[in-house]
PDB file of N, CA and C in Angstrom:
ATOM      1  N   MET A   1     -18.931 -27.733  18.230  1.00  0.00           N
ATOM      2  CA  MET A   1     -18.995 -27.867  16.810  1.00  0.00           C
ATOM      3  C   MET A   1     -18.110 -26.689  16.271  1.00  0.00           C
ATOM      4  N   GLU A   2     -17.776 -25.649  17.034  1.00  0.00           N
ATOM      5  CA  GLU A   2     -16.900 -24.753  16.684  1.00  0.00           C
ATOM      6  C   GLU A   2     -15.417 -25.218  16.596  1.00  0.00           C
ATOM      7  N   THR A   3     -15.161 -26.154  17.468  1.00  0.00           N
ATOM      8  CA  THR A   3     -13.734 -26.770  17.734  1.00  0.00           C
ATOM      9  C   THR A   3     -13.624 -27.605  16.311  1.00  0.00           C
ATOM     10  N   VAL A   4     -14.570 -28.208  15.806  1.00  0.00           N
ATOM     11  CA  VAL A   4     -14.493 -28.975  14.619  1.00  0.00           C
ATOM     12  C   VAL A   4     -14.274 -28.148  13.447  1.00  0.00           C
ATOM     13  N   GLY A   5     -14.948 -27.113  13.393  1.00  0.00           N
ATOM     14  CA  GLY A   5     -14.884 -26.053  12.369  1.00  0.00           C
ATOM     15  C   GLY A   5     -13.362 -25.356  12.431  1.00  0.00           C
ATOM     16  N   ASN A   6     -12.895 -25.037  13.509  1.00  0.00           N
ATOM     17  CA  ASN A   6     -11.557 -24.498  13.520  1.00  0.00           C
ATOM     18  C   ASN A   6     -10.547 -25.641  13.109  1.00  0.00           C
ATOM     19  N   PHE A   7     -10.744 -26.788  13.613  1.00  0.00           N
ATOM     20  CA  PHE A   7      -9.813 -27.946  13.144  1.00  0.00           C
ATOM     21  C   PHE A   7      -9.752 -28.138  11.634  1.00  0.00           C
ATOM     22  N   CYS A   8     -11.038 -28.164  11.054  1.00  0.00           N
ATOM     23  CA  CYS A   8     -11.167 -28.200   9.509  1.00  0.00           C
ATOM     24  C   CYS A   8     -10.478 -26.943   8.820  1.00  0.00           C
ATOM     25  N   ASP A   9     -10.691 -25.944   9.264  1.00  0.00           N
ATOM     26  CA  ASP A   9     -10.021 -24.606   8.733  1.00  0.00           C
ATOM     27  C   ASP A   9      -8.557 -24.684   8.789  1.00  0.00           C
ATOM     28  N   SER A  10      -8.143 -25.258   9.980  1.00  0.00           N
ATOM     29  CA  SER A  10      -6.624 -25.253  10.258  1.00  0.00           C
ATOM     30  C   SER A  10      -5.984 -26.444   9.497  1.00  0.00           C
ATOM     31  N   SER A  11      -6.605 -27.614   9.281  1.00  0.00           N
ATOM     32  CA  SER A  11      -6.273 -28.463   8.412  1.00  0.00           C
ATOM     33  C   SER A  11      -6.180 -28.260   6.948  1.00  0.00           C
ATOM     34  N   LYS A  12      -7.216 -27.537   6.580  1.00  0.00           N
ATOM     35  CA  LYS A  12      -7.330 -27.033   5.144  1.00  0.00           C
ATOM     36  C   LYS A  12      -6.128 -26.133   4.761  1.00  0.00           C
ATOM     37  N   SER A  13      -5.739 -25.326   5.619  1.00  0.00           N
ATOM     38  CA  SER A  13      -4.588 -24.390   5.563  1.00  0.00           C
ATOM     39  C   SER A  13      -3.336 -25.030   5.563  1.00  0.00           C
ATOM     40  N   THR A  14      -3.192 -26.055   6.485  1.00  0.00           N
ATOM     41  CA  THR A  14      -1.960 -26.879   6.516  1.00  0.00           C
ATOM     42  C   THR A  14      -1.722 -27.615   5.242  1.00  0.00           C
ATOM     43  N   PHE A  15      -2.822 -28.385   4.905  1.00  0.00           N
ATOM     44  CA  PHE A  15      -2.663 -29.228   3.594  1.00  0.00           C
ATOM     45  C   PHE A  15      -2.469 -28.244   2.374  1.00  0.00           C
ATOM     46  N   GLY A  16      -3.074 -27.162   2.419  1.00  0.00           N
ATOM     47  CA  GLY A  16      -2.668 -26.232   1.328  1.00  0.00           C
ATOM     48  C   GLY A  16      -1.268 -25.768   1.160  1.00  0.00           C
ATOM     49  N   LYS A  17      -0.685 -25.571   2.323  1.00  0.00           N
ATOM     50  CA  LYS A  17       0.675 -25.247   2.468  1.00  0.00           C
ATOM     51  C   LYS A  17       1.547 -26.452   2.034  1.00  0.00           C
ATOM     52  N   ILE A  18       1.289 -27.658   2.571  1.00  0.00           N
ATOM     53  CA  ILE A  18       1.950 -28.809   2.117  1.00  0.00           C
ATOM     54  C   ILE A  18       1.907 -29.016   0.638  1.00  0.00           C
ATOM     55  N   ALA A  19       0.761 -28.967  -0.044  1.00  0.00           N
ATOM     56  CA  ALA A  19       0.631 -29.157  -1.435  1.00  0.00           C
ATOM     57  C   ALA A  19       1.297 -27.964  -2.238  1.00  0.00           C
ATOM     58  N   GLU A  20       1.342 -26.811  -1.733  1.00  0.00           N
ATOM     59  CA  GLU A  20       2.198 -25.714  -2.292  1.00  0.00           C
ATOM     60  C   GLU A  20       3.726 -26.058  -2.272  1.00  0.00           C
ATOM     61  N   THR A  21       4.143 -26.541  -1.061  1.00  0.00           N
ATOM     62  CA  THR A  21       5.512 -26.877  -1.018  1.00  0.00           C
ATOM     63  C   THR A  21       5.926 -28.109  -1.782  1.00  0.00           C
ATOM     64  N   MET A  22       5.051 -29.087  -1.890  1.00  0.00           N
ATOM     65  CA  MET A  22       5.282 -30.298  -2.715  1.00  0.00           C
ATOM     66  C   MET A  22       5.463 -29.747  -4.298  1.00  0.00           C
ATOM     67  N   GLY A  23       4.624 -28.902  -4.581  1.00  0.00           N
ATOM     68  CA  GLY A  23       4.439 -28.254  -5.983  1.00  0.00           C
ATOM     69  C   GLY A  23       5.868 -27.642  -6.346  1.00  0.00           C
ATOM     70  N   ASN A  24       6.300 -26.745  -5.271  1.00  0.00           N
ATOM     71  CA  ASN A  24       7.606 -26.118  -5.451  1.00  0.00           C
ATOM     72  C   ASN A  24       8.840 -27.094  -5.603  1.00  0.00           C
ATOM     73  N   ILE A  25       8.716 -28.068  -4.805  1.00  0.00           N
ATOM     74  CA  ILE A  25       9.847 -29.216  -4.813  1.00  0.00           C
ATOM     75  C   ILE A  25       9.787 -29.923  -6.172  1.00  0.00           C
ATOM     76  N   SER A  26       8.614 -30.234  -6.632  1.00  0.00           N
ATOM     77  CA  SER A  26       8.521 -31.022  -7.846  1.00  0.00           C
ATOM     78  C   SER A  26       8.963 -30.070  -9.016  1.00  0.00           C
ATOM     79  N   ASN A  27       8.667 -28.816  -9.013  1.00  0.00           N
ATOM     80  CA  ASN A  27       9.268 -27.842 -10.089  1.00  0.00           C
ATOM     81  C   ASN A  27      10.748 -27.715 -10.049  1.00  0.00           C
ATOM     82  N   ARG A  28      11.419 -27.741  -8.817  1.00  0.00           N
ATOM     83  CA  ARG A  28      12.716 -27.583  -8.637  1.00  0.00           C
ATOM     84  C   ARG A  28      13.472 -28.936  -9.189  1.00  0.00           C
ATOM     85  N   VAL A  29      12.728 -30.141  -8.985  1.00  0.00           N
ATOM     86  CA  VAL A  29      13.375 -31.283  -9.319  1.00  0.00           C
ATOM     87  C   VAL A  29      13.306 -31.346 -10.942  1.00  0.00           C
ATOM     88  N   GLY A  30      12.189 -31.015 -11.534  1.00  0.00           N
ATOM     89  CA  GLY A  30      11.829 -31.005 -12.749  1.00  0.00           C
ATOM     90  C   GLY A  30      12.901 -30.111 -13.644  1.00  0.00           C
ATOM     91  N   SER A  31      13.259 -29.003 -12.981  1.00  0.00           N
ATOM     92  CA  SER A  31      14.121 -28.007 -13.653  1.00  0.00           C
ATOM     93  C   SER A  31      15.409 -28.625 -13.527  1.00  0.00           C
ATOM     94  N   GLU A  32      15.985 -29.322 -12.401  1.00  0.00           N
ATOM     95  CA  GLU A  32      17.280 -29.794 -12.377  1.00  0.00           C
ATOM     96  C   GLU A  32      17.474 -31.059 -13.171  1.00  0.00           C
ATOM     97  N   PHE A  33      16.424 -31.688 -13.345  1.00  0.00           N
ATOM     98  CA  PHE A  33      16.343 -32.852 -14.313  1.00  0.00           C
ATOM     99  C   PHE A  33      16.588 -32.172 -15.712  1.00  0.00           C
ATOM    100  N   ASP A  34      15.902 -31.232 -16.123  1.00  0.00           N
ATOM    101  CA  ASP A  34      16.094 -30.653 -17.352  1.00  0.00           C
ATOM    102  C   ASP A  34      17.526 -30.135 -17.588  1.00  0.00           C
ATOM    103  N   ASN A  35      18.079 -29.555 -16.566  1.00  0.00           N
ATOM    104  CA  ASN A  35      19.362 -28.886 -16.598  1.00  0.00           C
ATOM    105  C   ASN A  35      20.427 -30.092 -16.786  1.00  0.00           C
ATOM    106  N   ARG A  36      20.163 -31.224 -16.142  1.00  0.00           N
ATOM    107  CA  ARG A  36      21.095 -32.357 -16.290  1.00  0.00           C
ATOM    108  C   ARG A  36      21.117 -33.019 -17.706  1.00  0.00           C
ATOM    109  N   GLN A  37      19.887 -32.972 -18.228  1.00  0.00           N
ATOM    110  CA  GLN A  37      19.857 -33.517 -19.551  1.00  0.00           C
ATOM    111  C   GLN A  37      20.564 -32.631 -20.552  1.00  0.00           C
ATOM    112  N   ARG A  38      20.499 -31.220 -20.460  1.00  0.00           N
ATOM    113  CA  ARG A  38      21.137 -30.364 -21.250  1.00  0.00           C
ATOM    114  C   ARG A  38      22.685 -30.620 -20.906  1.00  0.00           C
ATOM    115  N   ARG A  39      23.068 -30.686 -19.773  1.00  0.00           N
ATOM    116  CA  ARG A  39      24.606 -30.769 -19.442  1.00  0.00           C
ATOM    117  C   ARG A  39      25.034 -32.185 -20.123  1.00  0.00           C
ATOM    118  N   ASP A  40      24.194 -33.115 -20.198  1.00  0.00           N
ATOM    119  CA  ASP A  40      24.537 -34.331 -20.780  1.00  0.00           C
ATOM    120  C   ASP A  40      24.759 -34.071 -22.391  1.00  0.00           C
ATOM    121  N   GLN A  41      24.083 -32.998 -22.885  1.00  0.00           N
ATOM    122  CA  GLN A  41      24.172 -32.757 -24.364  1.00  0.00           C
ATOM    123  C   GLN A  41      25.215 -31.821 -24.778  1.00  0.00           C
ATOM    124  N   VAL A  42      25.777 -31.118 -23.855  1.00  0.00           N
ATOM    125  CA  VAL A  42      26.633 -30.080 -24.205  1.00  0.00           C
ATOM    126  C   VAL A  42      27.718 -30.528 -25.087  1.00  0.00           C
ATOM    127  N   TYR A  43      28.532 -31.564 -24.576  1.00  0.00           N
ATOM    128  CA  TYR A  43      29.786 -31.968 -25.249  1.00  0.00           C
ATOM    129  C   TYR A  43      29.367 -32.452 -26.723  1.00  0.00           C
ATOM    130  N   ASP A  44      28.372 -33.224 -26.660  1.00  0.00           N
ATOM    131  CA  ASP A  44      27.809 -33.678 -28.049  1.00  0.00           C
ATOM    132  C   ASP A  44      27.668 -32.675 -29.079  1.00  0.00           C
ATOM    133  N   SER A  45      27.073 -31.609 -28.480  1.00  0.00           N
ATOM    134  CA  SER A  45      26.746 -30.260 -29.340  1.00  0.00           C
ATOM    135  C   SER A  45      27.980 -29.643 -29.752  1.00  0.00           C
ATOM    136  N   LEU A  46      28.863 -29.662 -28.802  1.00  0.00           N
ATOM    137  CA  LEU A  46      30.242 -28.935 -29.047  1.00  0.00           C
ATOM    138  C   LEU A  46      31.107 -29.713 -30.130  1.00  0.00           C
ATOM    139  N   SER A  47      30.807 -31.072 -30.055  1.00  0.00           N
ATOM    140  CA  SER A  47      31.600 -31.949 -31.010  1.00  0.00           C
ATOM    141  C   SER A  47      31.257 -31.683 -32.461  1.00  0.00           C
ATOM    142  N   GLU A  48      30.111 -31.104 -32.742  1.00  0.00           N
ATOM    143  CA  GLU A  48      29.828 -30.824 -33.970  1.00  0.00           C
ATOM    144  C   GLU A  48      30.542 -29.549 -34.630  1.00  0.00           C
ATOM    145  N   MET A  49      31.221 -28.822 -33.763  1.00  0.00           N
ATOM    146  CA  MET A  49      32.030 -27.567 -34.093  1.00  0.00           C
ATOM    147  C   MET A  49      33.503 -27.979 -34.409  1.00  0.00           C
ATOM    148  N   ASP A  50      33.743 -28.038 -35.716  1.00  0.00           N
ATOM    149  CA  ASP A  50      35.128 -28.547 -36.034  1.00  0.00           C
ATOM    150  C   ASP A  50      36.176 -27.651 -35.863  1.00  0.00           C
ATOM    151  N   PHE A  51      35.843 -26.444 -35.461  1.00  0.00           N
ATOM    152  CA  PHE A  51      36.856 -25.322 -35.213  1.00  0.00           C
ATOM    153  C   PHE A  51      37.498 -25.304 -33.894  1.00  0.00           C
ATOM    154  N   MET A  52      37.139 -26.229 -33.001  1.00  0.00           N
ATOM    155  CA  MET A  52      37.699 -26.373 -31.670  1.00  0.00           C
ATOM    156  C   MET A  52      38.348 -27.469 -31.412  1.00  0.00           C
ATOM    157  N   SER A  53      39.469 -27.498 -30.626  1.00  0.00           N
ATOM    158  CA  SER A  53      40.281 -28.572 -30.234  1.00  0.00           C
ATOM    159  C   SER A  53      39.518 -29.287 -29.105  1.00  0.00           C
ATOM    160  N   VAL A  54      39.876 -30.552 -28.793  1.00  0.00           N
ATOM    161  CA  VAL A  54      39.338 -31.351 -27.722  1.00  0.00           C
ATOM    162  C   VAL A  54      39.549 -30.543 -26.374  1.00  0.00           C
ATOM    163  N   GLU A  55      40.483 -29.820 -26.016  1.00  0.00           N
ATOM    164  CA  GLU A  55      40.809 -29.009 -24.838  1.00  0.00           C
ATOM    165  C   GLU A  55      39.869 -27.897 -24.781  1.00  0.00           C
ATOM    166  N   ALA A  56      39.570 -27.247 -25.942  1.00  0.00           N
ATOM    167  CA  ALA A  56      38.703 -26.167 -25.953  1.00  0.00           C
ATOM    168  C   ALA A  56      37.253 -26.658 -25.852  1.00  0.00           C
ATOM    169  N   ARG A  57      36.841 -27.776 -26.388  1.00  0.00           N
ATOM    170  CA  ARG A  57      35.664 -28.321 -26.213  1.00  0.00           C
ATOM    171  C   ARG A  57      35.313 -28.745 -24.627  1.00  0.00           C
ATOM    172  N   VAL A  58      36.226 -29.252 -24.051  1.00  0.00           N
ATOM    173  CA  VAL A  58      36.163 -29.546 -22.658  1.00  0.00           C
ATOM    174  C   VAL A  58      36.073 -28.256 -21.656  1.00  0.00           C
ATOM    175  N   ALA A  59      36.727 -27.248 -21.979  1.00  0.00           N
ATOM    176  CA  ALA A  59      36.771 -26.140 -21.347  1.00  0.00           C
ATOM    177  C   ALA A  59      35.465 -25.264 -21.551  1.00  0.00           C
ATOM    178  N   ILE A  60      34.932 -25.302 -22.716  1.00  0.00           N
ATOM    179  CA  ILE A  60      33.707 -24.743 -23.025  1.00  0.00           C
ATOM    180  C   ILE A  60      32.424 -25.499 -22.408  1.00  0.00           C
ATOM    181  N   ALA A  61      32.560 -26.743 -22.456  1.00  0.00           N
ATOM    182  CA  ALA A  61      31.622 -27.721 -21.828  1.00  0.00           C
ATOM    183  C   ALA A  61      31.518 -27.395 -20.319  1.00  0.00           C
ATOM    184  N   GLN A  62      32.638 -27.349 -19.794  1.00  0.00           N
ATOM    185  CA  GLN A  62      32.780 -27.049 -18.232  1.00  0.00           C
ATOM    186  C   GLN A  62      32.093 -25.579 -17.946  1.00  0.00           C
ATOM    187  N   TYR A  63      32.475 -24.641 -18.842  1.00  0.00           N
ATOM    188  CA  TYR A  63      31.961 -23.263 -18.562  1.00  0.00           C
ATOM    189  C   TYR A  63      30.405 -23.305 -18.657  1.00  0.00           C
ATOM    190  N   LEU A  64      29.873 -23.902 -19.647  1.00  0.00           N
ATOM    191  CA  LEU A  64      28.526 -23.887 -19.913  1.00  0.00           C
ATOM    192  C   LEU A  64      27.650 -24.744 -18.951  1.00  0.00           C
ATOM    193  N   CYS A  65      28.280 -25.856 -18.388  1.00  0.00           N
ATOM    194  CA  CYS A  65      27.660 -26.606 -17.368  1.00  0.00           C
ATOM    195  C   CYS A  65      27.555 -25.941 -15.945  1.00  0.00           C
ATOM    196  N   ASN A  66      28.612 -25.034 -15.833  1.00  0.00           N
ATOM    197  CA  ASN A  66      28.609 -24.140 -14.520  1.00  0.00           C
ATOM    198  C   ASN A  66      27.975 -22.923 -14.603  1.00  0.00           C
ATOM    199  N   ASN A  67      27.306 -22.598 -15.824  1.00  0.00           N
ATOM    200  CA  ASN A  67      26.508 -21.320 -16.213  1.00  0.00           C
ATOM    201  C   ASN A  67      25.252 -21.645 -16.759  1.00  0.00           C
ATOM    202  N   THR A  68      24.283 -21.986 -16.132  1.00  0.00           N
ATOM    203  CA  THR A  68      23.002 -22.503 -16.616  1.00  0.00           C
ATOM    204  C   THR A  68      22.333 -21.499 -17.629  1.00  0.00           C
ATOM    205  N   LYS A  69      22.444 -20.273 -17.281  1.00  0.00           N
ATOM    206  CA  LYS A  69      21.869 -19.281 -18.207  1.00  0.00           C
ATOM    207  C   LYS A  69      22.639 -19.274 -19.613  1.00  0.00           C
ATOM    208  N   ASP A  70      23.866 -19.244 -19.622  1.00  0.00           N
ATOM    209  CA  ASP A  70      24.505 -19.310 -20.808  1.00  0.00           C
ATOM    210  C   ASP A  70      24.191 -20.646 -21.557  1.00  0.00           C
ATOM    211  N   MET A  71      24.076 -21.739 -20.771  1.00  0.00           N
ATOM    212  CA  MET A  71      23.887 -22.953 -21.456  1.00  0.00           C
ATOM    213  C   MET A  71      22.444 -22.970 -21.978  1.00  0.00           C
ATOM    214  N   ASN A  72      21.546 -22.451 -21.401  1.00  0.00           N
ATOM    215  CA  ASN A  72      20.127 -22.293 -21.928  1.00  0.00           C
ATOM    216  C   ASN A  72      20.328 -21.443 -23.254  1.00  0.00           C
ATOM    217  N   LEU A  73      20.972 -20.440 -23.224  1.00  0.00           N
ATOM    218  CA  LEU A  73      21.190 -19.563 -24.383  1.00  0.00           C
ATOM    219  C   LEU A  73      21.763 -20.231 -25.496  1.00  0.00           C
ATOM    220  N   PHE A  74      22.794 -21.016 -25.317  1.00  0.00           N
ATOM    221  CA  PHE A  74      23.598 -21.742 -26.169  1.00  0.00           C
ATOM    222  C   PHE A  74      22.518 -22.705 -26.882  1.00  0.00           C
ATOM    223  N   PHE A  75      21.597 -23.383 -26.171  1.00  0.00           N
ATOM    224  CA  PHE A  75      20.769 -24.397 -26.828  1.00  0.00           C
ATOM    225  C   PHE A  75      19.609 -23.780 -27.625  1.00  0.00           C
ATOM    226  N   SER A  76      19.335 -22.429 -27.251  1.00  0.00           N
ATOM    227  CA  SER A  76      18.250 -21.751 -27.920  1.00  0.00           C
ATOM    228  C   SER A  76      18.752 -21.191 -29.379  1.00  0.00           C
ATOM    229  N   LEU A  77      19.926 -20.975 -29.506  1.00  0.00           N
ATOM    230  CA  LEU A  77      20.444 -20.340 -30.753  1.00  0.00           C
ATOM    231  C   LEU A  77      20.547 -21.329 -31.920  1.00  0.00           C
ATOM    232  N   PRO A  78      20.394 -20.695 -33.086  1.00  0.00           N
ATOM    233  CA  PRO A  78      20.583 -21.588 -34.407  1.00  0.00           C
ATOM    234  C   PRO A  78      21.941 -21.814 -34.628  1.00  0.00           C
ATOM    235  N   GLY A  79      22.305 -22.738 -35.517  1.00  0.00           N
ATOM    236  CA  GLY A  79      23.719 -23.106 -35.753  1.00  0.00           C
ATOM    237  C   GLY A  79      24.716 -22.080 -35.811  1.00  0.00           C
ATOM    238  N   GLU A  80      24.619 -21.213 -36.746  1.00  0.00           N
ATOM    239  CA  GLU A  80      25.776 -20.168 -36.982  1.00  0.00           C
ATOM    240  C   GLU A  80      25.816 -19.421 -35.664  1.00  0.00           C
ATOM    241  N   ALA A  81      24.898 -18.977 -35.155  1.00  0.00           N
ATOM    242  CA  ALA A  81      24.818 -18.072 -33.929  1.00  0.00           C
ATOM    243  C   ALA A  81      25.474 -18.875 -32.707  1.00  0.00           C
ATOM    244  N   LYS A  82      25.362 -20.206 -32.703  1.00  0.00           N
ATOM    245  CA  LYS A  82      25.979 -20.850 -31.694  1.00  0.00           C
ATOM    246  C   LYS A  82      27.563 -20.838 -31.713  1.00  0.00           C
ATOM    247  N   SER A  83      27.980 -20.872 -33.046  1.00  0.00           N
ATOM    248  CA  SER A  83      29.352 -20.809 -33.317  1.00  0.00           C
ATOM    249  C   SER A  83      29.815 -19.539 -32.822  1.00  0.00           C
ATOM    250  N   VAL A  84      29.351 -18.447 -33.115  1.00  0.00           N
ATOM    251  CA  VAL A  84      29.605 -17.031 -32.733  1.00  0.00           C
ATOM    252  C   VAL A  84      29.574 -16.931 -31.198  1.00  0.00           C
ATOM    253  N   PHE A  85      28.610 -17.482 -30.539  1.00  0.00           N
ATOM    254  CA  PHE A  85      28.499 -17.539 -29.117  1.00  0.00           C
ATOM    255  C   PHE A  85      29.635 -18.292 -28.500  1.00  0.00           C
ATOM    256  N   ILE A  86      29.954 -19.396 -28.971  1.00  0.00           N
ATOM    257  CA  ILE A  86      31.133 -20.301 -28.492  1.00  0.00           C
ATOM    258  C   ILE A  86      32.417 -19.554 -28.693  1.00  0.00           C
ATOM    259  N   THR A  87      32.620 -18.937 -29.866  1.00  0.00           N
ATOM    260  CA  THR A  87      33.766 -18.183 -30.255  1.00  0.00           C
ATOM    261  C   THR A  87      34.050 -16.923 -29.157  1.00  0.00           C
ATOM    262  N   ASN A  88      32.918 -16.219 -28.782  1.00  0.00           N
ATOM    263  CA  ASN A  88      32.908 -15.216 -27.860  1.00  0.00           C
ATOM    264  C   ASN A  88      33.369 -15.730 -26.441  1.00  0.00           C
ATOM    265  N   ILE A  89      32.804 -16.765 -26.021  1.00  0.00           N
ATOM    266  CA  ILE A  89      33.237 -17.564 -24.692  1.00  0.00           C
ATOM    267  C   ILE A  89      34.519 -17.816 -24.787  1.00  0.00           C
ATOM    268  N   MET A  90      35.141 -18.350 -25.865  1.00  0.00           N
ATOM    269  CA  MET A  90      36.512 -18.807 -25.988  1.00  0.00           C
ATOM    270  C   MET A  90      37.418 -17.604 -25.762  1.00  0.00           C
ATOM    271  N   ARG A  91      37.035 -16.504 -26.448  1.00  0.00           N
ATOM    272  CA  ARG A  91      37.832 -15.116 -26.309  1.00  0.00           C
ATOM    273  C   ARG A  91      37.754 -14.720 -24.944  1.00  0.00           C
ATOM    274  N   ASN A  92      36.510 -14.689 -24.193  1.00  0.00           N
ATOM    275  CA  ASN A  92      36.558 -14.350 -22.852  1.00  0.00           C
ATOM    276  C   ASN A  92      37.329 -15.299 -21.958  1.00  0.00           C
ATOM    277  N   LEU A  93      37.246 -16.425 -22.144  1.00  0.00           N
ATOM    278  CA  LEU A  93      38.009 -17.460 -21.181  1.00  0.00           C
ATOM    279  C   LEU A  93      39.469 -17.168 -21.428  1.00  0.00           C
ATOM    280  N   SER A  94      40.002 -16.956 -22.658  1.00  0.00           N
ATOM    281  CA  SER A  94      41.331 -16.872 -22.949  1.00  0.00           C
ATOM    282  C   SER A  94      41.901 -15.560 -22.221  1.00  0.00           C
ATOM    283  N   GLN A  95      41.090 -14.585 -21.967  1.00  0.00           N
ATOM    284  CA  GLN A  95      41.392 -13.222 -21.357  1.00  0.00           C
ATOM    285  C   GLN A  95      41.726 -13.360 -19.831  1.00  0.00           C
ATOM    286  N   CYS A  96      41.011 -14.605 -19.320  1.00  0.00           N
ATOM    287  CA  CYS A  96      41.172 -14.664 -17.864  1.00  0.00           C
ATOM    288  C   CYS A  96      42.464 -15.159 -17.349  1.00  0.00           C
TER     289      CYS A  96
END
């Protein structure tokens, strides 16, 4: 009987770890899906800003897609703040 109890305890622990791992994988996949959707929206959002050339839009889109934190900040800002944010990025990129 003790052996069955040990097996059950061991199985419970193993299944708990598997469930936790699956939850972590699911969160990462969901996060990557969200980031992909945002990457798809970047150029469209930048196209609404008339002050940039196509070359600048592509450079900024590439920058934002490679820098998830900045991309998330970009999408969280209201209209005028987005323009200021993009202008600052353009200024920083031109200094490189």
